Amino acid sequence: MKYLHRLILCIYLVPMTIYGQIKMKPLNELVVKDSSTWNMVKQWIKDAKNPVEVLPKNKMRADSALYLTQVTTRSPMGAIIYETGGLLIDSGWIRILGSGNRRLDRSLMDWNKGKSFNNVGEPTKFLLIADDVLGGFFAINAGAFDTTNIGKVFYFSPDNLKWENTQLTYTDFLFFCFTGDLNKYYQGFKWNNWQKDASSLNGNEGMAFLPFLWSKEGQKDINKNKREKVLIQTLWDLYFKQK
């Protein structure tokens, strides 16, 4: 039954604006009062193997964020946007975007503006949904990365500056964050005492490394690399200027 629920919820995965629907639905059509999706997501979090911190929401920000994203609360994405300020995974190593919180002070659509779209209602070819302290970015593909894997989450990896297909839907991505082997996924990129550094960052910050992670020298031993706290926007600009 769990897998049936995941399949059904994937139907509601991708925001309408990705597919070019300009007409904006009102908030009362997006908030589904009889939806049990948030309760399901809370159960997934309760059963998670990795630490998950749910950041409290501000109702005004949640209303605005849900309206701008144009997804319903019947979807896991909509439920997270409407019910949380975001999620911090594994001491804040991964940040899943919600409606914003003082510790993750950007909503999903705030973060996408100027990256995947410029004006609300424009069709987009990808949607940024999460990132990590390395400056790795997770985005739903809507044609930007290839035309055959629409709706799949791609990861922009700071060690090769390429978008990589994770083969996961948004719901699958949540399960990966909650129960996946994150140490294996990030093998070689977690330094000694990384938990202390990760938890000291706010959700608008990440770590810059010298030598750069995409360089041969930068991948030898991350414990020997110099680390500096910077804005996650700075990392976005840095990586994409290098492409």
C-alpha atoms as a PDB file:
ATOM      1  CA  MET A   1       0.000   0.000   0.000  1.00  0.00           C
ATOM      2  CA  LYS A   2       2.897   2.371   0.749  1.00  0.00           C
ATOM      3  CA  TYR A   3       4.107   2.102  -2.841  1.00  0.00           C
ATOM      4  CA  LEU A   4       0.590   2.703  -4.176  1.00  0.00           C
ATOM      5  CA  HIS A   5       0.434   5.895  -2.121  1.00  0.00           C
ATOM      6  CA  ARG A   6       3.790   6.982  -3.540  1.00  0.00           C
ATOM      7  CA  LEU A   7       2.577   6.350  -7.084  1.00  0.00           C
ATOM      8  CA  ILE A   8      -0.627   8.302  -6.540  1.00  0.00           C
ATOM      9  CA  LEU A   9       1.177  11.220  -4.917  1.00  0.00           C
ATOM     10  CA  CYS A  10       3.617  11.476  -7.821  1.00  0.00           C
ATOM     11  CA  ILE A  11       0.691  12.503 -10.028  1.00  0.00           C
ATOM     12  CA  TYR A  12       0.563  15.772  -8.082  1.00  0.00           C
ATOM     13  CA  LEU A  13       4.314  16.244  -8.108  1.00  0.00           C
ATOM     14  CA  VAL A  14       5.220  19.002 -10.531  1.00  0.00           C
ATOM     15  CA  PRO A  15       3.902  22.542 -10.178  1.00  0.00           C
ATOM     16  CA  MET A  16       1.540  23.760 -12.869  1.00  0.00           C
ATOM     17  CA  THR A  17       3.858  26.594 -13.823  1.00  0.00           C
ATOM     18  CA  ILE A  18       6.514  24.132 -15.004  1.00  0.00           C
ATOM     19  CA  TYR A  19       4.218  22.995 -17.767  1.00  0.00           C
ATOM     20  CA  GLY A  20       3.393  26.513 -18.814  1.00  0.00           C
ATOM     21  CA  GLN A  21      -0.006  27.072 -17.208  1.00  0.00           C
ATOM     22  CA  ILE A  22      -0.047  30.837 -16.768  1.00  0.00           C
ATOM     23  CA  LYS A  23      -3.443  31.175 -15.093  1.00  0.00           C
ATOM     24  CA  MET A  24      -2.910  31.149 -11.334  1.00  0.00           C
ATOM     25  CA  LYS A  25      -5.304  29.170  -9.147  1.00  0.00           C
ATOM     26  CA  PRO A  26      -6.518  30.896  -5.974  1.00  0.00           C
ATOM     27  CA  LEU A  27      -5.232  29.708  -2.613  1.00  0.00           C
ATOM     28  CA  ASN A  28      -8.562  28.131  -1.619  1.00  0.00           C
ATOM     29  CA  GLU A  29      -8.264  25.732  -4.549  1.00  0.00           C
ATOM     30  CA  LEU A  30      -4.750  24.714  -3.535  1.00  0.00           C
ATOM     31  CA  VAL A  31      -5.455  24.026   0.153  1.00  0.00           C
ATOM     32  CA  VAL A  32      -7.269  20.681   0.180  1.00  0.00           C
ATOM     33  CA  LYS A  33      -8.970  20.502   3.561  1.00  0.00           C
ATOM     34  CA  ASP A  34      -9.619  16.743   3.526  1.00  0.00           C
ATOM     35  CA  SER A  35      -6.114  15.852   2.358  1.00  0.00           C
ATOM     36  CA  SER A  36      -4.195  13.387   4.516  1.00  0.00           C
ATOM     37  CA  THR A  37      -0.893  13.985   2.725  1.00  0.00           C
ATOM     38  CA  TRP A  38       0.761  16.011   5.486  1.00  0.00           C
ATOM     39  CA  ASN A  39      -0.102  13.319   8.025  1.00  0.00           C
ATOM     40  CA  MET A  40       1.522  10.788   5.707  1.00  0.00           C
ATOM     41  CA  VAL A  41       4.651  12.927   5.365  1.00  0.00           C
ATOM     42  CA  LYS A  42       4.805  13.316   9.154  1.00  0.00           C
ATOM     43  CA  GLN A  43       4.675   9.532   9.475  1.00  0.00           C
ATOM     44  CA  TRP A  44       7.520   9.198   6.966  1.00  0.00           C
ATOM     45  CA  ILE A  45       9.512  11.672   9.058  1.00  0.00           C
ATOM     46  CA  LYS A  46       8.692   9.766  12.239  1.00  0.00           C
ATOM     47  CA  ASP A  47       9.960   6.555  10.617  1.00  0.00           C
ATOM     48  CA  ALA A  48      13.061   8.215   9.137  1.00  0.00           C
ATOM     49  CA  LYS A  49      16.486   6.687   9.719  1.00  0.00           C
ATOM     50  CA  ASN A  50      18.241  10.018   9.200  1.00  0.00           C
ATOM     51  CA  PRO A  51      17.700  13.025  11.487  1.00  0.00           C
ATOM     52  CA  VAL A  52      14.943  15.279  10.125  1.00  0.00           C
ATOM     53  CA  GLU A  53      14.117  18.668  11.649  1.00  0.00           C
ATOM     54  CA  VAL A  54      10.810  20.264  10.672  1.00  0.00           C
ATOM     55  CA  LEU A  55      11.087  24.051  10.707  1.00  0.00           C
ATOM     56  CA  PRO A  56       7.949  25.851  11.933  1.00  0.00           C
ATOM     57  CA  LYS A  57       5.948  27.787   9.380  1.00  0.00           C
ATOM     58  CA  ASN A  58       4.637  31.319   9.322  1.00  0.00           C
ATOM     59  CA  LYS A  59       1.072  31.205   7.989  1.00  0.00           C
ATOM     60  CA  MET A  60       1.346  34.316   5.823  1.00  0.00           C
ATOM     61  CA  ARG A  61       4.546  33.051   4.246  1.00  0.00           C
ATOM     62  CA  ALA A  62       3.040  29.603   3.800  1.00  0.00           C
ATOM     63  CA  ASP A  63      -0.044  31.015   2.063  1.00  0.00           C
ATOM     64  CA  SER A  64       2.108  33.096  -0.261  1.00  0.00           C
ATOM     65  CA  ALA A  65       4.575  30.294  -0.999  1.00  0.00           C
ATOM     66  CA  LEU A  66       1.851  27.777  -1.831  1.00  0.00           C
ATOM     67  CA  TYR A  67       0.058  30.245  -4.101  1.00  0.00           C
ATOM     68  CA  LEU A  68       3.243  31.104  -5.991  1.00  0.00           C
ATOM     69  CA  THR A  69       4.217  27.459  -6.402  1.00  0.00           C
ATOM     70  CA  GLN A  70       0.713  26.495  -7.594  1.00  0.00           C
ATOM     71  CA  VAL A  71       0.710  22.976  -6.169  1.00  0.00           C
ATOM     72  CA  THR A  72      -2.003  21.565  -3.940  1.00  0.00           C
ATOM     73  CA  THR A  73      -1.590  20.293  -0.408  1.00  0.00           C
ATOM     74  CA  ARG A  74      -2.576  16.887  -1.734  1.00  0.00           C
ATOM     75  CA  SER A  75       0.995  16.618  -3.040  1.00  0.00           C
ATOM     76  CA  PRO A  76       4.002  16.038  -0.756  1.00  0.00           C
ATOM     77  CA  MET A  77       5.603  19.191  -2.136  1.00  0.00           C
ATOM     78  CA  GLY A  78       2.506  21.238  -1.416  1.00  0.00           C
ATOM     79  CA  ALA A  79       2.166  19.739   2.048  1.00  0.00           C
ATOM     80  CA  ILE A  80       5.773  20.583   2.916  1.00  0.00           C
ATOM     81  CA  ILE A  81       5.454  24.127   1.541  1.00  0.00           C
ATOM     82  CA  TYR A  82       2.186  24.796   3.345  1.00  0.00           C
ATOM     83  CA  GLU A  83       2.938  23.065   6.646  1.00  0.00           C
ATOM     84  CA  THR A  84       6.631  23.803   7.170  1.00  0.00           C
ATOM     85  CA  GLY A  85       9.276  26.459   6.816  1.00  0.00           C
ATOM     86  CA  GLY A  86      11.427  23.713   5.309  1.00  0.00           C
ATOM     87  CA  LEU A  87      13.178  20.526   6.398  1.00  0.00           C
ATOM     88  CA  LEU A  88      16.748  20.130   7.643  1.00  0.00           C
ATOM     89  CA  ILE A  89      18.182  16.673   6.996  1.00  0.00           C
ATOM     90  CA  ASP A  90      21.163  15.128   8.794  1.00  0.00           C
ATOM     91  CA  SER A  91      22.268  18.093  10.941  1.00  0.00           C
ATOM     92  CA  GLY A  92      21.295  20.467   8.131  1.00  0.00           C
ATOM     93  CA  TRP A  93      23.497  18.796   5.514  1.00  0.00           C
ATOM     94  CA  ILE A  94      20.524  18.805   3.111  1.00  0.00           C
ATOM     95  CA  ARG A  95      17.912  21.571   3.144  1.00  0.00           C
ATOM     96  CA  ILE A  96      14.520  20.833   1.573  1.00  0.00           C
ATOM     97  CA  LEU A  97      12.763  24.080   0.713  1.00  0.00           C
ATOM     98  CA  GLY A  98       9.351  24.913   2.154  1.00  0.00           C
ATOM     99  CA  SER A  99       7.775  28.301   2.829  1.00  0.00           C
ATOM    100  CA  GLY A 100      10.759  29.781   4.650  1.00  0.00           C
ATOM    101  CA  ASN A 101      11.869  30.167   8.262  1.00  0.00           C
ATOM    102  CA  ARG A 102      14.438  32.352  10.018  1.00  0.00           C
ATOM    103  CA  ARG A 103      16.824  29.386   9.857  1.00  0.00           C
ATOM    104  CA  LEU A 104      16.085  28.718   6.182  1.00  0.00           C
ATOM    105  CA  ASP A 105      15.050  32.160   5.063  1.00  0.00           C
ATOM    106  CA  ARG A 106      13.936  31.422   1.500  1.00  0.00           C
ATOM    107  CA  SER A 107      10.844  29.750   0.165  1.00  0.00           C
ATOM    108  CA  LEU A 108      10.969  27.355  -2.749  1.00  0.00           C
ATOM    109  CA  MET A 109       9.779  29.998  -5.222  1.00  0.00           C
ATOM    110  CA  ASP A 110      11.922  32.738  -3.649  1.00  0.00           C
ATOM    111  CA  TRP A 111      14.950  30.632  -4.376  1.00  0.00           C
ATOM    112  CA  ASN A 112      13.893  29.788  -7.921  1.00  0.00           C
ATOM    113  CA  LYS A 113      13.225  33.390  -8.940  1.00  0.00           C
ATOM    114  CA  GLY A 114      16.029  34.575 -11.193  1.00  0.00           C
ATOM    115  CA  LYS A 115      17.223  31.001 -11.703  1.00  0.00           C
ATOM    116  CA  SER A 116      14.418  28.907 -13.174  1.00  0.00           C
ATOM    117  CA  PHE A 117      12.076  31.839 -13.882  1.00  0.00           C
ATOM    118  CA  ASN A 118      11.994  35.628 -13.769  1.00  0.00           C
ATOM    119  CA  ASN A 119       8.288  36.409 -13.482  1.00  0.00           C
ATOM    120  CA  VAL A 120       5.589  34.467 -11.630  1.00  0.00           C
ATOM    121  CA  GLY A 121       3.514  32.346 -13.998  1.00  0.00           C
ATOM    122  CA  GLU A 122       6.254  31.848 -16.562  1.00  0.00           C
ATOM    123  CA  PRO A 123       6.812  28.274 -17.761  1.00  0.00           C
ATOM    124  CA  THR A 124      10.012  26.835 -16.312  1.00  0.00           C
ATOM    125  CA  LYS A 125      12.235  23.989 -17.444  1.00  0.00           C
ATOM    126  CA  PHE A 126      13.420  23.036 -13.957  1.00  0.00           C
ATOM    127  CA  LEU A 127      12.522  23.729 -10.345  1.00  0.00           C
ATOM    128  CA  LEU A 128      15.052  23.845  -7.509  1.00  0.00           C
ATOM    129  CA  ILE A 129      13.723  21.957  -4.486  1.00  0.00           C
ATOM    130  CA  ALA A 130      16.698  21.415  -2.152  1.00  0.00           C
ATOM    131  CA  ASP A 131      20.437  21.862  -1.737  1.00  0.00           C
ATOM    132  CA  ASP A 132      23.296  20.754   0.486  1.00  0.00           C
ATOM    133  CA  VAL A 133      26.136  22.419   2.352  1.00  0.00           C
ATOM    134  CA  LEU A 134      28.571  21.652  -0.487  1.00  0.00           C
ATOM    135  CA  GLY A 135      26.585  23.772  -2.913  1.00  0.00           C
ATOM    136  CA  GLY A 136      25.015  20.745  -4.552  1.00  0.00           C
ATOM    137  CA  PHE A 137      21.551  21.528  -5.920  1.00  0.00           C
ATOM    138  CA  PHE A 138      18.532  19.284  -6.402  1.00  0.00           C
ATOM    139  CA  ALA A 139      16.020  20.214  -9.104  1.00  0.00           C
ATOM    140  CA  ILE A 140      12.996  18.669 -10.787  1.00  0.00           C
ATOM    141  CA  ASN A 141      13.543  18.349 -14.512  1.00  0.00           C
ATOM    142  CA  ALA A 142      10.920  19.785 -16.840  1.00  0.00           C
ATOM    143  CA  GLY A 143      13.030  19.709 -19.990  1.00  0.00           C
ATOM    144  CA  ALA A 144      16.155  21.635 -18.997  1.00  0.00           C
ATOM    145  CA  PHE A 145      18.384  18.587 -18.535  1.00  0.00           C
ATOM    146  CA  ASP A 146      16.788  16.189 -21.015  1.00  0.00           C
ATOM    147  CA  THR A 147      13.352  15.678 -22.548  1.00  0.00           C
ATOM    148  CA  THR A 148      12.804  12.051 -21.553  1.00  0.00           C
ATOM    149  CA  ASN A 149      13.067  12.222 -17.771  1.00  0.00           C
ATOM    150  CA  ILE A 150      10.442  14.849 -17.023  1.00  0.00           C
ATOM    151  CA  GLY A 151       9.540  14.973 -13.332  1.00  0.00           C
ATOM    152  CA  LYS A 152      12.769  13.316 -12.160  1.00  0.00           C
ATOM    153  CA  VAL A 153      15.100  14.959  -9.660  1.00  0.00           C
ATOM    154  CA  PHE A 154      18.554  15.891 -10.980  1.00  0.00           C
ATOM    155  CA  TYR A 155      21.537  16.740  -8.790  1.00  0.00           C
ATOM    156  CA  PHE A 156      24.040  19.434  -9.712  1.00  0.00           C
ATOM    157  CA  SER A 157      27.245  17.954  -8.357  1.00  0.00           C
ATOM    158  CA  PRO A 158      29.984  20.386  -7.257  1.00  0.00           C
ATOM    159  CA  ASP A 159      32.699  17.816  -7.976  1.00  0.00           C
ATOM    160  CA  ASN A 160      32.036  17.726 -11.742  1.00  0.00           C
ATOM    161  CA  LEU A 161      29.690  20.707 -12.362  1.00  0.00           C
ATOM    162  CA  LYS A 162      27.149  18.489 -14.114  1.00  0.00           C
ATOM    163  CA  TRP A 163      23.458  17.765 -13.599  1.00  0.00           C
ATOM    164  CA  GLU A 164      23.079  14.062 -12.795  1.00  0.00           C
ATOM    165  CA  ASN A 165      19.798  12.140 -13.003  1.00  0.00           C
ATOM    166  CA  THR A 166      19.002  10.583  -9.616  1.00  0.00           C
ATOM    167  CA  GLN A 167      16.105   8.625 -11.210  1.00  0.00           C
ATOM    168  CA  LEU A 168      13.962   9.791  -8.276  1.00  0.00           C
ATOM    169  CA  THR A 169      10.624  11.576  -8.258  1.00  0.00           C
ATOM    170  CA  TYR A 170      10.052  14.251  -5.620  1.00  0.00           C
ATOM    171  CA  THR A 171       8.397  11.700  -3.332  1.00  0.00           C
ATOM    172  CA  ASP A 172      11.242   9.241  -3.872  1.00  0.00           C
ATOM    173  CA  PHE A 173      13.683  12.049  -3.109  1.00  0.00           C
ATOM    174  CA  LEU A 174      11.990  12.599   0.241  1.00  0.00           C
ATOM    175  CA  PHE A 175      12.369   8.895   1.041  1.00  0.00           C
ATOM    176  CA  PHE A 176      16.030   9.078   0.030  1.00  0.00           C
ATOM    177  CA  CYS A 177      16.589  12.007   2.399  1.00  0.00           C
ATOM    178  CA  PHE A 178      14.674  10.331   5.218  1.00  0.00           C
ATOM    179  CA  THR A 179      15.952   6.759   4.939  1.00  0.00           C
ATOM    180  CA  GLY A 180      18.766   6.642   2.367  1.00  0.00           C
ATOM    181  CA  ASP A 181      22.448   6.030   3.053  1.00  0.00           C
ATOM    182  CA  LEU A 182      23.604   9.643   2.903  1.00  0.00           C
ATOM    183  CA  ASN A 183      27.131   8.791   4.030  1.00  0.00           C
ATOM    184  CA  LYS A 184      27.504   6.495   1.043  1.00  0.00           C
ATOM    185  CA  TYR A 185      26.005   9.053  -1.350  1.00  0.00           C
ATOM    186  CA  TYR A 186      28.411  11.734  -0.092  1.00  0.00           C
ATOM    187  CA  GLN A 187      31.364   9.398   0.388  1.00  0.00           C
ATOM    188  CA  GLY A 188      34.607  11.370   0.280  1.00  0.00           C
ATOM    189  CA  PHE A 189      32.865  14.710   0.787  1.00  0.00           C
ATOM    190  CA  LYS A 190      32.118  14.633   4.497  1.00  0.00           C
ATOM    191  CA  TRP A 191      35.064  15.911   6.492  1.00  0.00           C
ATOM    192  CA  ASN A 192      35.972  15.197  10.110  1.00  0.00           C
ATOM    193  CA  ASN A 193      33.482  16.829  12.492  1.00  0.00           C
ATOM    194  CA  TRP A 194      31.253  17.869   9.570  1.00  0.00           C
ATOM    195  CA  GLN A 195      28.163  17.684  11.822  1.00  0.00           C
ATOM    196  CA  LYS A 196      29.403  20.616  13.903  1.00  0.00           C
ATOM    197  CA  ASP A 197      30.037  22.753  10.827  1.00  0.00           C
ATOM    198  CA  ALA A 198      26.789  21.792   9.105  1.00  0.00           C
ATOM    199  CA  SER A 199      24.664  22.521  12.169  1.00  0.00           C
ATOM    200  CA  SER A 200      26.351  25.908  12.641  1.00  0.00           C
ATOM    201  CA  LEU A 201      25.216  27.104   9.212  1.00  0.00           C
ATOM    202  CA  ASN A 202      21.868  28.696   8.581  1.00  0.00           C
ATOM    203  CA  GLY A 203      19.910  27.492   5.576  1.00  0.00           C
ATOM    204  CA  ASN A 204      21.137  30.348   3.389  1.00  0.00           C
ATOM    205  CA  GLU A 205      24.763  29.321   3.820  1.00  0.00           C
ATOM    206  CA  GLY A 206      27.089  26.617   2.575  1.00  0.00           C
ATOM    207  CA  MET A 207      30.766  25.764   2.491  1.00  0.00           C
ATOM    208  CA  ALA A 208      33.248  26.913  -0.159  1.00  0.00           C
ATOM    209  CA  PHE A 209      36.392  24.828  -0.585  1.00  0.00           C
ATOM    210  CA  LEU A 210      39.900  25.508  -1.796  1.00  0.00           C
ATOM    211  CA  PRO A 211      41.093  23.741  -3.856  1.00  0.00           C
ATOM    212  CA  PHE A 212      37.695  23.663  -5.632  1.00  0.00           C
ATOM    213  CA  LEU A 213      35.840  20.364  -5.400  1.00  0.00           C
ATOM    214  CA  TRP A 214      35.798  19.951  -9.177  1.00  0.00           C
ATOM    215  CA  SER A 215      39.594  20.069  -9.312  1.00  0.00           C
ATOM    216  CA  LYS A 216      41.830  17.011  -9.080  1.00  0.00           C
ATOM    217  CA  GLU A 217      43.565  18.418  -6.017  1.00  0.00           C
ATOM    218  CA  GLY A 218      40.257  19.265  -4.391  1.00  0.00           C
ATOM    219  CA  GLN A 219      39.116  15.639  -4.480  1.00  0.00           C
ATOM    220  CA  LYS A 220      42.186  14.062  -2.881  1.00  0.00           C
ATOM    221  CA  ASP A 221      41.324  14.581   0.789  1.00  0.00           C
ATOM    222  CA  ILE A 222      38.550  16.958   1.762  1.00  0.00           C
ATOM    223  CA  ASN A 223      39.980  17.184   5.285  1.00  0.00           C
ATOM    224  CA  LYS A 224      42.987  19.010   3.836  1.00  0.00           C
ATOM    225  CA  ASN A 225      40.905  21.504   1.873  1.00  0.00           C
ATOM    226  CA  LYS A 226      40.377  24.975   3.255  1.00  0.00           C
ATOM    227  CA  ARG A 227      36.727  25.622   4.140  1.00  0.00           C
ATOM    228  CA  GLU A 228      34.897  28.922   4.380  1.00  0.00           C
ATOM    229  CA  LYS A 229      31.281  29.715   5.208  1.00  0.00           C
ATOM    230  CA  VAL A 230      29.594  31.590   2.341  1.00  0.00           C
ATOM    231  CA  LEU A 231      26.088  32.334   1.127  1.00  0.00           C
ATOM    232  CA  ILE A 232      24.475  29.526  -0.856  1.00  0.00           C
ATOM    233  CA  GLN A 233      23.776  32.153  -3.536  1.00  0.00           C
ATOM    234  CA  THR A 234      27.541  32.708  -3.786  1.00  0.00           C
ATOM    235  CA  LEU A 235      28.048  28.992  -4.418  1.00  0.00           C
ATOM    236  CA  TRP A 236      25.325  28.976  -7.074  1.00  0.00           C
ATOM    237  CA  ASP A 237      27.017  31.889  -8.839  1.00  0.00           C
ATOM    238  CA  LEU A 238      30.450  30.333  -8.470  1.00  0.00           C
ATOM    239  CA  TYR A 239      29.528  26.936  -9.884  1.00  0.00           C
ATOM    240  CA  PHE A 240      27.532  28.214 -12.799  1.00  0.00           C
ATOM    241  CA  LYS A 241      30.171  30.736 -13.790  1.00  0.00           C
ATOM    242  CA  GLN A 242      32.553  27.785 -14.081  1.00  0.00           C
ATOM    243  CA  LYS A 243      30.294  25.765 -16.403  1.00  0.00           C
END
